[in-house]
């Protein structure tokens, strides 16, 4: 597996200091930001900071956004400018049958781009607002669609804490990207999601057991550390400890996780 940092971009002047000299998943959220963005100029900024884009998290556009070829043009821009293979997508509200119809229309063009479109998993209330959201559902329905470019982005913080280890074992072959962070599962979901995307050790999820499981199954995809913005300064250091953990130098990350848990419990 390859460990990446997540970096959400809202403007072309975004500060890159915390991700210099790193391999990242470049993430966009707003469709308008992506459309109006000078991608070529920003790619030059990334190159100057020795930042390697390994994957892109697309903005909130889905196969339904076909007006003016928005969805397909977005994919073309991602491929032409950032030259990645795996693109994370947020599933949007829509009808499954319509998704199938729309994908069949552009199937050959997407295949020519050589992209894997990895839909992100969601649970709970979020699942009711999207055409597809849960891991087991994606696994089965993507087989029905029979589109070789469809894959899955598994977000640990969106998963059920009691099921995550079993899920990753069962469905790992379809999972191209994992968004990795800690979370507080007992908190009531809120719009700002302050209980999710916490640094490793600040929540209740079995983060170390999760990495151990990935090692055991020989996971081959991207493991992307995705933290809330206010913890961005911790990403690079945590990623280095995760890499060392994967390479059998486990004690430094264990010590960090235990230290953070003690602080969280004391608070």
C-alpha atoms as a PDB file:
ATOM      1  CA  UNK A   1       0.000   0.000   0.000  1.00  0.00           C
ATOM      2  CA  UNK A   2       1.071   3.598  -0.529  1.00  0.00           C
ATOM      3  CA  UNK A   3       0.543   6.219   2.185  1.00  0.00           C
ATOM      4  CA  UNK A   4      -0.660   9.643   1.007  1.00  0.00           C
ATOM      5  CA  UNK A   5      -1.726  12.917   2.606  1.00  0.00           C
ATOM      6  CA  UNK A   6      -5.059  14.525   1.757  1.00  0.00           C
ATOM      7  CA  UNK A   7      -5.088  18.203   0.814  1.00  0.00           C
ATOM      8  CA  UNK A   8      -8.394  20.004   0.207  1.00  0.00           C
ATOM      9  CA  UNK A   9      -8.092  22.961  -2.141  1.00  0.00           C
ATOM     10  CA  UNK A  10     -10.391  25.985  -2.114  1.00  0.00           C
ATOM     11  CA  UNK A  11      -8.254  28.553  -3.949  1.00  0.00           C
ATOM     12  CA  UNK A  12      -5.245  28.769  -6.236  1.00  0.00           C
ATOM     13  CA  UNK A  13      -3.354  30.610  -3.458  1.00  0.00           C
ATOM     14  CA  UNK A  14      -3.814  27.793  -0.944  1.00  0.00           C
ATOM     15  CA  UNK A  15      -0.973  27.442   1.567  1.00  0.00           C
ATOM     16  CA  UNK A  16       1.058  24.322   0.798  1.00  0.00           C
ATOM     17  CA  UNK A  17       3.594  24.495   3.616  1.00  0.00           C
ATOM     18  CA  UNK A  18       2.332  21.454   5.519  1.00  0.00           C
ATOM     19  CA  UNK A  19       2.458  19.144   2.501  1.00  0.00           C
ATOM     20  CA  UNK A  20       5.783  20.119   0.938  1.00  0.00           C
ATOM     21  CA  UNK A  21       7.884  17.175  -0.242  1.00  0.00           C
ATOM     22  CA  UNK A  22       4.895  14.830   0.070  1.00  0.00           C
ATOM     23  CA  UNK A  23       2.771  12.451  -1.983  1.00  0.00           C
ATOM     24  CA  UNK A  24      -0.881  13.481  -1.825  1.00  0.00           C
ATOM     25  CA  UNK A  25      -4.461  12.968  -2.853  1.00  0.00           C
ATOM     26  CA  UNK A  26      -5.447  16.401  -4.144  1.00  0.00           C
ATOM     27  CA  UNK A  27      -9.019  17.103  -3.061  1.00  0.00           C
ATOM     28  CA  UNK A  28     -11.599  19.552  -4.373  1.00  0.00           C
ATOM     29  CA  UNK A  29     -15.070  20.095  -2.921  1.00  0.00           C
ATOM     30  CA  UNK A  30     -16.970  22.760  -4.861  1.00  0.00           C
ATOM     31  CA  UNK A  31     -17.719  22.240  -8.531  1.00  0.00           C
ATOM     32  CA  UNK A  32     -17.408  25.959  -9.251  1.00  0.00           C
ATOM     33  CA  UNK A  33     -13.958  26.080  -7.669  1.00  0.00           C
ATOM     34  CA  UNK A  34     -12.819  23.273  -9.933  1.00  0.00           C
ATOM     35  CA  UNK A  35     -14.328  24.819 -13.081  1.00  0.00           C
ATOM     36  CA  UNK A  36     -12.823  28.273 -12.490  1.00  0.00           C
ATOM     37  CA  UNK A  37      -9.455  26.973 -11.331  1.00  0.00           C
ATOM     38  CA  UNK A  38      -6.183  27.535 -13.204  1.00  0.00           C
ATOM     39  CA  UNK A  39      -5.103  23.913 -12.918  1.00  0.00           C
ATOM     40  CA  UNK A  40      -1.955  24.249 -15.001  1.00  0.00           C
ATOM     41  CA  UNK A  41      -0.640  27.101 -12.867  1.00  0.00           C
ATOM     42  CA  UNK A  42      -1.486  25.280  -9.647  1.00  0.00           C
ATOM     43  CA  UNK A  43       0.214  22.125 -10.890  1.00  0.00           C
ATOM     44  CA  UNK A  44       3.366  24.219 -11.390  1.00  0.00           C
ATOM     45  CA  UNK A  45       3.107  25.364  -7.754  1.00  0.00           C
ATOM     46  CA  UNK A  46       2.835  21.767  -6.630  1.00  0.00           C
ATOM     47  CA  UNK A  47       5.864  20.781  -8.692  1.00  0.00           C
ATOM     48  CA  UNK A  48       7.897  23.653  -7.244  1.00  0.00           C
ATOM     49  CA  UNK A  49       7.071  22.442  -3.718  1.00  0.00           C
ATOM     50  CA  UNK A  50       8.021  18.860  -4.635  1.00  0.00           C
ATOM     51  CA  UNK A  51       4.452  17.682  -4.088  1.00  0.00           C
ATOM     52  CA  UNK A  52       3.462  14.612  -6.071  1.00  0.00           C
ATOM     53  CA  UNK A  53      -0.238  14.166  -6.844  1.00  0.00           C
ATOM     54  CA  UNK A  54      -0.956  10.422  -6.815  1.00  0.00           C
ATOM     55  CA  UNK A  55      -4.757  10.631  -6.816  1.00  0.00           C
ATOM     56  CA  UNK A  56      -7.478  13.282  -7.065  1.00  0.00           C
ATOM     57  CA  UNK A  57     -10.611  13.627  -4.945  1.00  0.00           C
ATOM     58  CA  UNK A  58     -13.053  15.175  -7.408  1.00  0.00           C
ATOM     59  CA  UNK A  59     -15.514  17.932  -6.465  1.00  0.00           C
ATOM     60  CA  UNK A  60     -19.178  17.123  -5.816  1.00  0.00           C
ATOM     61  CA  UNK A  61     -19.933  16.183  -9.414  1.00  0.00           C
ATOM     62  CA  UNK A  62     -21.355  12.830 -10.420  1.00  0.00           C
ATOM     63  CA  UNK A  63     -22.480  11.068 -13.572  1.00  0.00           C
ATOM     64  CA  UNK A  64     -25.783  12.992 -13.402  1.00  0.00           C
ATOM     65  CA  UNK A  65     -23.994  16.279 -14.096  1.00  0.00           C
ATOM     66  CA  UNK A  66     -24.002  15.800 -17.854  1.00  0.00           C
ATOM     67  CA  UNK A  67     -25.052  19.324 -18.906  1.00  0.00           C
ATOM     68  CA  UNK A  68     -22.290  20.798 -21.070  1.00  0.00           C
ATOM     69  CA  UNK A  69     -20.401  17.545 -20.483  1.00  0.00           C
ATOM     70  CA  UNK A  70     -19.428  18.795 -17.007  1.00  0.00           C
ATOM     71  CA  UNK A  71     -18.679  15.366 -15.551  1.00  0.00           C
ATOM     72  CA  UNK A  72     -16.662  14.114 -18.496  1.00  0.00           C
ATOM     73  CA  UNK A  73     -14.772  17.406 -18.867  1.00  0.00           C
ATOM     74  CA  UNK A  74     -13.871  17.265 -15.178  1.00  0.00           C
ATOM     75  CA  UNK A  75     -12.395  13.799 -15.651  1.00  0.00           C
ATOM     76  CA  UNK A  76     -10.475  14.929 -18.726  1.00  0.00           C
ATOM     77  CA  UNK A  77      -8.967  17.854 -16.813  1.00  0.00           C
ATOM     78  CA  UNK A  78      -7.927  15.584 -13.963  1.00  0.00           C
ATOM     79  CA  UNK A  79      -6.228  13.189 -16.360  1.00  0.00           C
ATOM     80  CA  UNK A  80      -4.581  15.811 -18.562  1.00  0.00           C
ATOM     81  CA  UNK A  81      -3.244  18.056 -15.805  1.00  0.00           C
ATOM     82  CA  UNK A  82      -2.585  15.739 -12.864  1.00  0.00           C
ATOM     83  CA  UNK A  83      -2.027  12.492 -14.790  1.00  0.00           C
ATOM     84  CA  UNK A  84      -3.455  10.215 -12.110  1.00  0.00           C
ATOM     85  CA  UNK A  85      -5.255   6.908 -12.462  1.00  0.00           C
ATOM     86  CA  UNK A  86      -7.535   6.810  -9.405  1.00  0.00           C
ATOM     87  CA  UNK A  87     -10.209   9.465  -8.795  1.00  0.00           C
ATOM     88  CA  UNK A  88     -12.360   9.542  -5.656  1.00  0.00           C
ATOM     89  CA  UNK A  89     -15.979  10.588  -6.245  1.00  0.00           C
ATOM     90  CA  UNK A  90     -18.687  11.595  -3.771  1.00  0.00           C
ATOM     91  CA  UNK A  91     -21.940   9.879  -4.775  1.00  0.00           C
ATOM     92  CA  UNK A  92     -24.754  12.385  -5.238  1.00  0.00           C
ATOM     93  CA  UNK A  93     -28.538  12.156  -5.082  1.00  0.00           C
ATOM     94  CA  UNK A  94     -30.071  10.421  -8.065  1.00  0.00           C
ATOM     95  CA  UNK A  95     -31.746   7.388  -9.569  1.00  0.00           C
ATOM     96  CA  UNK A  96     -29.685   4.231 -10.011  1.00  0.00           C
ATOM     97  CA  UNK A  97     -31.214   3.355 -13.334  1.00  0.00           C
ATOM     98  CA  UNK A  98     -30.364   6.806 -14.626  1.00  0.00           C
ATOM     99  CA  UNK A  99     -26.774   6.409 -13.407  1.00  0.00           C
ATOM    100  CA  UNK A 100     -26.527   3.200 -15.386  1.00  0.00           C
ATOM    101  CA  UNK A 101     -27.910   4.854 -18.528  1.00  0.00           C
ATOM    102  CA  UNK A 102     -25.558   7.825 -18.246  1.00  0.00           C
ATOM    103  CA  UNK A 103     -22.492   5.669 -17.619  1.00  0.00           C
ATOM    104  CA  UNK A 104     -23.243   3.525 -20.654  1.00  0.00           C
ATOM    105  CA  UNK A 105     -23.219   6.692 -22.781  1.00  0.00           C
ATOM    106  CA  UNK A 106     -19.685   7.672 -21.731  1.00  0.00           C
ATOM    107  CA  UNK A 107     -18.245   4.239 -20.936  1.00  0.00           C
ATOM    108  CA  UNK A 108     -15.798   4.162 -23.838  1.00  0.00           C
ATOM    109  CA  UNK A 109     -14.550   7.706 -23.257  1.00  0.00           C
ATOM    110  CA  UNK A 110     -13.829   6.995 -19.585  1.00  0.00           C
ATOM    111  CA  UNK A 111     -12.021   3.807 -20.523  1.00  0.00           C
ATOM    112  CA  UNK A 112      -9.882   5.738 -23.010  1.00  0.00           C
ATOM    113  CA  UNK A 113      -8.872   8.087 -20.193  1.00  0.00           C
ATOM    114  CA  UNK A 114      -7.613   5.087 -18.243  1.00  0.00           C
ATOM    115  CA  UNK A 115      -9.216   6.231 -14.991  1.00  0.00           C
ATOM    116  CA  UNK A 116     -10.601   4.303 -12.032  1.00  0.00           C
ATOM    117  CA  UNK A 117     -13.599   6.100 -10.488  1.00  0.00           C
ATOM    118  CA  UNK A 118     -13.658   5.156  -6.806  1.00  0.00           C
ATOM    119  CA  UNK A 119     -16.925   6.108  -5.102  1.00  0.00           C
ATOM    120  CA  UNK A 120     -16.649   7.082  -1.435  1.00  0.00           C
ATOM    121  CA  UNK A 121     -18.578   5.159   1.207  1.00  0.00           C
ATOM    122  CA  UNK A 122     -21.070   6.765   3.599  1.00  0.00           C
ATOM    123  CA  UNK A 123     -23.262   5.465   6.419  1.00  0.00           C
ATOM    124  CA  UNK A 124     -26.326   6.574   8.381  1.00  0.00           C
ATOM    125  CA  UNK A 125     -28.277   9.595   7.226  1.00  0.00           C
ATOM    126  CA  UNK A 126     -25.798  10.353   4.453  1.00  0.00           C
ATOM    127  CA  UNK A 127     -26.604   7.021   2.840  1.00  0.00           C
ATOM    128  CA  UNK A 128     -30.225   8.083   2.346  1.00  0.00           C
ATOM    129  CA  UNK A 129     -29.229  11.143   0.329  1.00  0.00           C
ATOM    130  CA  UNK A 130     -27.073   9.402  -2.275  1.00  0.00           C
ATOM    131  CA  UNK A 131     -27.701   7.037  -5.176  1.00  0.00           C
ATOM    132  CA  UNK A 132     -25.206   4.627  -3.686  1.00  0.00           C
ATOM    133  CA  UNK A 133     -23.322   4.891  -0.407  1.00  0.00           C
ATOM    134  CA  UNK A 134     -22.625   1.721   1.559  1.00  0.00           C
ATOM    135  CA  UNK A 135     -19.728  -0.619   0.928  1.00  0.00           C
ATOM    136  CA  UNK A 136     -21.634  -3.879   0.503  1.00  0.00           C
ATOM    137  CA  UNK A 137     -24.113  -2.172  -1.814  1.00  0.00           C
ATOM    138  CA  UNK A 138     -21.338  -0.756  -4.006  1.00  0.00           C
ATOM    139  CA  UNK A 139     -19.662  -4.150  -4.189  1.00  0.00           C
ATOM    140  CA  UNK A 140     -22.796  -5.868  -5.471  1.00  0.00           C
ATOM    141  CA  UNK A 141     -24.228  -3.120  -7.683  1.00  0.00           C
ATOM    142  CA  UNK A 142     -20.935  -2.330  -9.411  1.00  0.00           C
ATOM    143  CA  UNK A 143     -20.763  -6.004 -10.393  1.00  0.00           C
ATOM    144  CA  UNK A 144     -24.213  -5.653 -11.942  1.00  0.00           C
ATOM    145  CA  UNK A 145     -23.182  -2.511 -13.828  1.00  0.00           C
ATOM    146  CA  UNK A 146     -20.155  -4.402 -15.190  1.00  0.00           C
ATOM    147  CA  UNK A 147     -18.113  -1.241 -15.742  1.00  0.00           C
ATOM    148  CA  UNK A 148     -14.413  -2.043 -15.253  1.00  0.00           C
ATOM    149  CA  UNK A 149     -13.520   1.504 -14.233  1.00  0.00           C
ATOM    150  CA  UNK A 150     -15.714   1.598 -11.105  1.00  0.00           C
ATOM    151  CA  UNK A 151     -14.090   1.112  -7.705  1.00  0.00           C
ATOM    152  CA  UNK A 152     -14.497   2.149  -4.078  1.00  0.00           C
ATOM    153  CA  UNK A 153     -13.009   4.690  -1.683  1.00  0.00           C
ATOM    154  CA  UNK A 154     -13.526   3.362   1.842  1.00  0.00           C
ATOM    155  CA  UNK A 155     -13.737   6.137   4.438  1.00  0.00           C
ATOM    156  CA  UNK A 156     -12.956   4.686   7.850  1.00  0.00           C
ATOM    157  CA  UNK A 157     -14.521   7.638   9.696  1.00  0.00           C
ATOM    158  CA  UNK A 158     -17.775   7.084   7.786  1.00  0.00           C
ATOM    159  CA  UNK A 159     -17.876   3.378   8.614  1.00  0.00           C
ATOM    160  CA  UNK A 160     -19.421   1.447  11.477  1.00  0.00           C
ATOM    161  CA  UNK A 161     -16.719   1.011  14.124  1.00  0.00           C
ATOM    162  CA  UNK A 162     -17.856  -2.512  14.890  1.00  0.00           C
ATOM    163  CA  UNK A 163     -17.801  -3.613  11.251  1.00  0.00           C
ATOM    164  CA  UNK A 164     -14.752  -1.886   9.763  1.00  0.00           C
ATOM    165  CA  UNK A 165     -12.225  -4.701  10.250  1.00  0.00           C
ATOM    166  CA  UNK A 166     -14.594  -7.310   8.845  1.00  0.00           C
ATOM    167  CA  UNK A 167     -15.543  -5.075   5.920  1.00  0.00           C
ATOM    168  CA  UNK A 168     -11.980  -4.352   4.888  1.00  0.00           C
ATOM    169  CA  UNK A 169     -11.191  -8.070   4.864  1.00  0.00           C
ATOM    170  CA  UNK A 170     -14.247  -8.977   2.823  1.00  0.00           C
ATOM    171  CA  UNK A 171     -14.217  -6.234   0.194  1.00  0.00           C
ATOM    172  CA  UNK A 172     -10.580  -5.151  -0.086  1.00  0.00           C
ATOM    173  CA  UNK A 173     -10.233  -6.222  -3.726  1.00  0.00           C
ATOM    174  CA  UNK A 174     -12.649  -3.488  -4.820  1.00  0.00           C
ATOM    175  CA  UNK A 175     -11.204  -0.779  -2.573  1.00  0.00           C
ATOM    176  CA  UNK A 176      -8.748   1.465  -4.409  1.00  0.00           C
ATOM    177  CA  UNK A 177      -8.483   4.222  -1.783  1.00  0.00           C
ATOM    178  CA  UNK A 178      -8.897   4.299   1.995  1.00  0.00           C
ATOM    179  CA  UNK A 179      -9.516   7.611   3.765  1.00  0.00           C
ATOM    180  CA  UNK A 180      -7.833   7.011   7.089  1.00  0.00           C
ATOM    181  CA  UNK A 181      -8.523   8.930  10.291  1.00  0.00           C
ATOM    182  CA  UNK A 182      -9.973   8.470  13.753  1.00  0.00           C
ATOM    183  CA  UNK A 183     -13.512   9.264  14.892  1.00  0.00           C
ATOM    184  CA  UNK A 184     -15.874   9.369  17.870  1.00  0.00           C
ATOM    185  CA  UNK A 185     -18.699   6.984  16.958  1.00  0.00           C
ATOM    186  CA  UNK A 186     -20.814   7.738  20.028  1.00  0.00           C
ATOM    187  CA  UNK A 187     -21.320  11.397  19.076  1.00  0.00           C
ATOM    188  CA  UNK A 188     -24.515  12.497  17.352  1.00  0.00           C
ATOM    189  CA  UNK A 189     -23.690  13.409  13.741  1.00  0.00           C
ATOM    190  CA  UNK A 190     -23.516  17.152  13.189  1.00  0.00           C
ATOM    191  CA  UNK A 191     -23.170  19.336  10.139  1.00  0.00           C
ATOM    192  CA  UNK A 192     -19.578  20.296  10.893  1.00  0.00           C
ATOM    193  CA  UNK A 193     -18.592  16.669  11.532  1.00  0.00           C
ATOM    194  CA  UNK A 194     -16.271  17.534  14.430  1.00  0.00           C
ATOM    195  CA  UNK A 195     -16.449  13.900  15.541  1.00  0.00           C
ATOM    196  CA  UNK A 196     -14.911  12.655  12.291  1.00  0.00           C
ATOM    197  CA  UNK A 197     -11.541  12.914  10.528  1.00  0.00           C
ATOM    198  CA  UNK A 198      -9.582  13.241  13.749  1.00  0.00           C
ATOM    199  CA  UNK A 199      -5.849  12.460  13.967  1.00  0.00           C
ATOM    200  CA  UNK A 200      -4.994   8.858  14.807  1.00  0.00           C
ATOM    201  CA  UNK A 201      -5.469   8.282  18.538  1.00  0.00           C
ATOM    202  CA  UNK A 202      -7.886  11.158  19.166  1.00  0.00           C
ATOM    203  CA  UNK A 203     -10.967   9.020  18.628  1.00  0.00           C
ATOM    204  CA  UNK A 204     -12.253   5.545  19.449  1.00  0.00           C
ATOM    205  CA  UNK A 205     -11.714   3.649  16.213  1.00  0.00           C
ATOM    206  CA  UNK A 206      -9.311   0.652  16.119  1.00  0.00           C
ATOM    207  CA  UNK A 207      -6.823   2.478  13.914  1.00  0.00           C
ATOM    208  CA  UNK A 208      -3.803   0.307  14.705  1.00  0.00           C
ATOM    209  CA  UNK A 209      -5.794  -2.906  14.310  1.00  0.00           C
ATOM    210  CA  UNK A 210      -7.029  -1.505  11.013  1.00  0.00           C
ATOM    211  CA  UNK A 211      -3.473  -0.987   9.728  1.00  0.00           C
ATOM    212  CA  UNK A 212      -2.546  -4.462  10.966  1.00  0.00           C
ATOM    213  CA  UNK A 213      -5.431  -5.877   8.945  1.00  0.00           C
ATOM    214  CA  UNK A 214      -4.292  -4.026   5.822  1.00  0.00           C
ATOM    215  CA  UNK A 215      -0.812  -5.469   6.279  1.00  0.00           C
ATOM    216  CA  UNK A 216      -2.216  -8.956   6.801  1.00  0.00           C
ATOM    217  CA  UNK A 217      -4.333  -8.886   3.626  1.00  0.00           C
ATOM    218  CA  UNK A 218      -1.521  -7.219   1.657  1.00  0.00           C
ATOM    219  CA  UNK A 219      -3.653  -4.244   0.654  1.00  0.00           C
ATOM    220  CA  UNK A 220      -2.336  -2.673  -2.576  1.00  0.00           C
ATOM    221  CA  UNK A 221      -4.225   0.624  -2.803  1.00  0.00           C
ATOM    222  CA  UNK A 222      -3.782   4.126  -1.394  1.00  0.00           C
ATOM    223  CA  UNK A 223      -4.016   4.779   2.353  1.00  0.00           C
ATOM    224  CA  UNK A 224      -4.837   8.497   2.535  1.00  0.00           C
ATOM    225  CA  UNK A 225      -4.558  10.331   5.855  1.00  0.00           C
ATOM    226  CA  UNK A 226      -7.536  12.699   5.822  1.00  0.00           C
ATOM    227  CA  UNK A 227      -7.775  15.075   8.805  1.00  0.00           C
ATOM    228  CA  UNK A 228      -9.863  18.146   9.532  1.00  0.00           C
ATOM    229  CA  UNK A 229      -8.130  21.350   8.430  1.00  0.00           C
ATOM    230  CA  UNK A 230      -7.164  22.386  11.948  1.00  0.00           C
ATOM    231  CA  UNK A 231      -5.038  19.226  12.253  1.00  0.00           C
ATOM    232  CA  UNK A 232      -3.326  19.599   8.891  1.00  0.00           C
ATOM    233  CA  UNK A 233       0.000  20.355  10.575  1.00  0.00           C
ATOM    234  CA  UNK A 234       0.007  16.796  11.976  1.00  0.00           C
ATOM    235  CA  UNK A 235      -0.440  15.014   8.662  1.00  0.00           C
ATOM    236  CA  UNK A 236       3.131  14.691   7.489  1.00  0.00           C
ATOM    237  CA  UNK A 237       4.506  13.486  10.824  1.00  0.00           C
ATOM    238  CA  UNK A 238       1.674  11.008  11.313  1.00  0.00           C
ATOM    239  CA  UNK A 239       2.114   9.688   7.779  1.00  0.00           C
ATOM    240  CA  UNK A 240       5.786   9.008   8.410  1.00  0.00           C
ATOM    241  CA  UNK A 241       4.931   7.031  11.552  1.00  0.00           C
ATOM    242  CA  UNK A 242       2.301   5.053   9.638  1.00  0.00           C
ATOM    243  CA  UNK A 243       4.900   4.177   6.995  1.00  0.00           C
ATOM    244  CA  UNK A 244       7.309   3.032   9.695  1.00  0.00           C
ATOM    245  CA  UNK A 245       4.544   0.978  11.307  1.00  0.00           C
ATOM    246  CA  UNK A 246       3.847  -0.746   7.995  1.00  0.00           C
ATOM    247  CA  UNK A 247       7.567  -1.507   7.727  1.00  0.00           C
ATOM    248  CA  UNK A 248       7.502  -3.280  11.120  1.00  0.00           C
ATOM    249  CA  UNK A 249       8.788  -0.327  13.184  1.00  0.00           C
ATOM    250  CA  UNK A 250       5.595  -0.204  15.210  1.00  0.00           C
ATOM    251  CA  UNK A 251       6.481   1.284  18.573  1.00  0.00           C
ATOM    252  CA  UNK A 252       6.653   5.011  17.606  1.00  0.00           C
ATOM    253  CA  UNK A 253       3.082   5.058  16.253  1.00  0.00           C
ATOM    254  CA  UNK A 254       1.797   2.975  19.165  1.00  0.00           C
ATOM    255  CA  UNK A 255       3.362   5.428  21.598  1.00  0.00           C
ATOM    256  CA  UNK A 256       1.786   8.385  19.786  1.00  0.00           C
ATOM    257  CA  UNK A 257      -1.657   6.787  19.737  1.00  0.00           C
ATOM    258  CA  UNK A 258      -1.475   5.889  23.435  1.00  0.00           C
ATOM    259  CA  UNK A 259      -0.341   9.411  24.315  1.00  0.00           C
ATOM    260  CA  UNK A 260      -3.206  11.012  22.400  1.00  0.00           C
ATOM    261  CA  UNK A 261      -5.759   8.657  23.916  1.00  0.00           C
ATOM    262  CA  UNK A 262      -4.607   9.577  27.419  1.00  0.00           C
ATOM    263  CA  UNK A 263      -4.933  13.273  26.610  1.00  0.00           C
ATOM    264  CA  UNK A 264      -8.386  12.759  25.080  1.00  0.00           C
ATOM    265  CA  UNK A 265      -9.591  10.755  28.069  1.00  0.00           C
ATOM    266  CA  UNK A 266      -8.245  13.348  30.491  1.00  0.00           C
ATOM    267  CA  UNK A 267     -10.065  16.089  28.597  1.00  0.00           C
END
